[in-house]
C-alpha atoms as a PDB file:
ATOM      1  CA  UNK A   1      -3.060  -1.972  19.235  1.00  0.00           C
ATOM      2  CA  UNK A   2      -3.823  -2.529  15.653  1.00  0.00           C
ATOM      3  CA  UNK A   3      -0.857  -2.218  13.383  1.00  0.00           C
ATOM      4  CA  UNK A   4      -1.619  -1.843   9.694  1.00  0.00           C
ATOM      5  CA  UNK A   5       0.999  -2.851   7.117  1.00  0.00           C
ATOM      6  CA  UNK A   6       0.618  -1.129   3.879  1.00  0.00           C
ATOM      7  CA  UNK A   7       2.873  -2.515   0.956  1.00  0.00           C
ATOM      8  CA  UNK A   8       2.840  -0.477  -2.234  1.00  0.00           C
ATOM      9  CA  UNK A   9       4.977   0.679  -5.091  1.00  0.00           C
ATOM     10  CA  UNK A  10       7.243   3.378  -4.213  1.00  0.00           C
ATOM     11  CA  UNK A  11       6.324   6.879  -5.457  1.00  0.00           C
ATOM     12  CA  UNK A  12       3.660   8.083  -3.247  1.00  0.00           C
ATOM     13  CA  UNK A  13       4.003  11.612  -1.626  1.00  0.00           C
ATOM     14  CA  UNK A  14       4.097  12.136   2.081  1.00  0.00           C
ATOM     15  CA  UNK A  15       0.907  13.968   1.569  1.00  0.00           C
ATOM     16  CA  UNK A  16      -0.685  10.858   0.178  1.00  0.00           C
ATOM     17  CA  UNK A  17       0.633   8.779   2.807  1.00  0.00           C
ATOM     18  CA  UNK A  18      -0.449  11.024   5.540  1.00  0.00           C
ATOM     19  CA  UNK A  19      -4.123  11.303   4.097  1.00  0.00           C
ATOM     20  CA  UNK A  20      -4.075   7.385   3.841  1.00  0.00           C
ATOM     21  CA  UNK A  21      -3.028   6.849   7.397  1.00  0.00           C
ATOM     22  CA  UNK A  22      -5.743   9.218   8.416  1.00  0.00           C
ATOM     23  CA  UNK A  23      -8.438   7.500   6.601  1.00  0.00           C
ATOM     24  CA  UNK A  24      -7.349   4.245   7.603  1.00  0.00           C
ATOM     25  CA  UNK A  25      -7.022   5.179  11.428  1.00  0.00           C
ATOM     26  CA  UNK A  26     -10.554   6.657  11.083  1.00  0.00           C
ATOM     27  CA  UNK A  27     -11.803   3.367   9.762  1.00  0.00           C
ATOM     28  CA  UNK A  28     -10.195   1.335  12.454  1.00  0.00           C
ATOM     29  CA  UNK A  29     -11.585   3.607  15.204  1.00  0.00           C
ATOM     30  CA  UNK A  30     -15.090   3.299  13.773  1.00  0.00           C
ATOM     31  CA  UNK A  31     -15.156  -0.516  12.885  1.00  0.00           C
ATOM     32  CA  UNK A  32     -12.966  -1.731  15.866  1.00  0.00           C
ATOM     33  CA  UNK A  33     -13.645   0.762  18.605  1.00  0.00           C
ATOM     34  CA  UNK A  34      -9.881   1.443  19.082  1.00  0.00           C
ATOM     35  CA  UNK A  35      -8.477   4.806  19.982  1.00  0.00           C
ATOM     36  CA  UNK A  36      -6.670   6.691  17.436  1.00  0.00           C
ATOM     37  CA  UNK A  37      -3.618   6.844  19.382  1.00  0.00           C
ATOM     38  CA  UNK A  38      -3.318   3.102  19.325  1.00  0.00           C
ATOM     39  CA  UNK A  39      -3.471   2.614  15.790  1.00  0.00           C
ATOM     40  CA  UNK A  40      -0.183   2.206  13.935  1.00  0.00           C
ATOM     41  CA  UNK A  41       0.282   2.536   9.927  1.00  0.00           C
ATOM     42  CA  UNK A  42       3.755   1.167   8.589  1.00  0.00           C
ATOM     43  CA  UNK A  43       4.235   1.940   4.944  1.00  0.00           C
ATOM     44  CA  UNK A  44       6.714  -0.271   2.942  1.00  0.00           C
ATOM     45  CA  UNK A  45       7.611   1.268  -0.186  1.00  0.00           C
ATOM     46  CA  UNK A  46       8.631  -1.294  -2.891  1.00  0.00           C
ATOM     47  CA  UNK A  47      10.339  -0.918  -6.032  1.00  0.00           C
ATOM     48  CA  UNK A  48       8.625  -2.480  -9.077  1.00  0.00           C
ATOM     49  CA  UNK A  49      11.710  -4.589  -9.770  1.00  0.00           C
ATOM     50  CA  UNK A  50      11.140  -6.046  -6.231  1.00  0.00           C
ATOM     51  CA  UNK A  51       7.512  -7.176  -6.865  1.00  0.00           C
ATOM     52  CA  UNK A  52       6.495  -9.891  -9.067  1.00  0.00           C
ATOM     53  CA  UNK A  53       2.883 -11.194 -10.026  1.00  0.00           C
ATOM     54  CA  UNK A  54       2.363 -14.304 -11.959  1.00  0.00           C
ATOM     55  CA  UNK A  55       6.124 -14.860 -12.218  1.00  0.00           C
ATOM     56  CA  UNK A  56       6.704 -11.436 -13.921  1.00  0.00           C
ATOM     57  CA  UNK A  57       8.390  -8.277 -12.371  1.00  0.00           C
ATOM     58  CA  UNK A  58       6.227  -5.422 -12.427  1.00  0.00           C
ATOM     59  CA  UNK A  59       9.143  -3.407 -13.827  1.00  0.00           C
ATOM     60  CA  UNK A  60       9.249  -5.738 -16.912  1.00  0.00           C
ATOM     61  CA  UNK A  61       7.523  -4.271 -20.069  1.00  0.00           C
ATOM     62  CA  UNK A  62       4.181  -5.561 -20.902  1.00  0.00           C
ATOM     63  CA  UNK A  63       4.080  -8.664 -23.245  1.00  0.00           C
ATOM     64  CA  UNK A  64       3.026  -7.866 -26.896  1.00  0.00           C
ATOM     65  CA  UNK A  65      -0.379  -8.957 -27.487  1.00  0.00           C
ATOM     66  CA  UNK A  66      -0.894 -11.331 -30.371  1.00  0.00           C
ATOM     67  CA  UNK A  67      -2.178  -9.991 -33.584  1.00  0.00           C
ATOM     68  CA  UNK A  68      -5.783 -10.990 -34.240  1.00  0.00           C
END
């Protein structure tokens, strides 16, 4: 039973998640030979203030670019 964990910023609609889950399920069935009923897709909506890259929160404003 493949379980696909999807972590992304919050804000996607239910329709977007539904379409994504269908597309991922089809890809798993095609590539792994699983049955669609055995594929689980779990969404984790994460607020931008709860995610950092390179030590910087995604909710922080972008740094000013140096002139030049």
